[in-house]
Amino acid sequence: MMPLTMARAGETVTIRKITGRDEVRQHLAEMGFVVDSDVTVISEVAGNLILQVKDSRIALDKSMANRIMI
């Protein structure tokens, strides 16, 4: 496993694990980041990511993206 920040732009990956406190994991789950779901990296700037999750595009900062393991 590796953090989501290691994925390249254009790559589609599957979430394997989400780390962090319960509140953080719940917040990510509400945005669509759940285990076994696919996420496509649209672009990356200075570690911050723009992601395609289901039918939405979501921006995550580097610290949040590091909590999502692929």
Protein backbone atom coordinates (compact mmCIF):
# COMPACT_ATOMS: atom_id res chain seq x y z
CA MET A 1 0.00 0.00 0.00
CA MET A 2 1.01 3.60 -0.59
CA PRO A 3 -0.62 7.00 0.02
CA LEU A 4 -2.86 8.53 -2.64
CA THR A 5 -0.30 11.32 -3.10
CA MET A 6 1.94 8.79 -4.90
CA ALA A 7 -0.59 8.28 -7.73
CA ARG A 8 0.08 10.07 -11.03
CA ALA A 9 -2.30 12.35 -12.91
CA GLY A 10 -4.62 10.34 -15.14
CA GLU A 11 -4.24 7.19 -13.03
CA THR A 12 -7.28 5.37 -11.62
CA VAL A 13 -6.65 3.65 -8.30
CA THR A 14 -8.67 1.69 -5.74
CA ILE A 15 -8.83 2.78 -2.10
CA ARG A 16 -7.52 0.04 0.20
CA LYS A 17 -7.53 1.77 3.62
CA ILE A 18 -8.29 5.15 5.20
CA THR A 19 -6.31 6.18 8.27
CA GLY A 20 -6.87 8.94 10.82
CA ARG A 21 -9.34 9.76 13.56
CA ASP A 22 -12.97 8.65 13.30
CA GLU A 23 -14.12 12.19 12.43
CA VAL A 24 -11.62 12.42 9.57
CA ARG A 25 -12.58 9.02 8.16
CA GLN A 26 -16.28 9.90 8.43
CA HIS A 27 -15.72 13.21 6.62
CA LEU A 28 -13.85 11.47 3.78
CA ALA A 29 -16.57 8.79 3.56
CA GLU A 30 -19.24 11.51 3.20
CA MET A 31 -17.31 12.86 0.21
CA GLY A 32 -17.22 9.41 -1.41
CA PHE A 33 -13.82 8.14 -0.28
CA VAL A 34 -14.67 4.63 0.90
CA VAL A 35 -12.67 1.40 0.84
CA ASP A 36 -12.83 -0.52 -2.48
CA SER A 37 -14.03 2.51 -4.45
CA ASP A 38 -12.15 3.79 -7.50
CA VAL A 39 -10.63 7.27 -7.62
CA THR A 40 -9.10 8.98 -10.67
CA VAL A 41 -6.37 11.58 -10.19
CA ILE A 42 -7.21 14.53 -12.46
CA SER A 43 -4.24 16.72 -11.56
CA GLU A 44 -1.62 17.33 -8.88
CA VAL A 45 0.01 20.61 -7.83
CA ALA A 46 2.52 20.68 -4.95
CA GLY A 47 1.06 17.50 -3.47
CA ASN A 48 -2.51 18.81 -3.54
CA LEU A 49 -4.84 16.67 -5.67
CA ILE A 50 -7.93 17.13 -7.78
CA LEU A 51 -9.77 13.81 -7.87
CA GLN A 52 -12.72 12.29 -9.70
CA VAL A 53 -14.82 10.31 -7.20
CA LYS A 54 -18.00 8.78 -8.59
CA ASP A 55 -19.60 11.74 -10.44
CA SER A 56 -17.82 14.51 -8.53
CA ARG A 57 -14.50 16.31 -8.71
CA ILE A 58 -12.99 16.98 -5.31
CA ALA A 59 -9.82 18.80 -4.27
CA LEU A 60 -7.83 17.37 -1.36
CA ASP A 61 -4.79 18.88 0.31
CA LYS A 62 -1.66 16.82 0.77
CA SER A 63 -2.30 15.96 4.44
CA MET A 64 -5.77 14.53 3.71
CA ALA A 65 -4.58 12.66 0.60
CA ASN A 66 -1.81 11.05 2.65
CA ARG A 67 -4.48 9.41 4.86
CA ILE A 68 -5.96 7.53 1.90
CA MET A 69 -4.01 4.36 1.11
CA ILE A 70 -4.15 2.74 -2.33
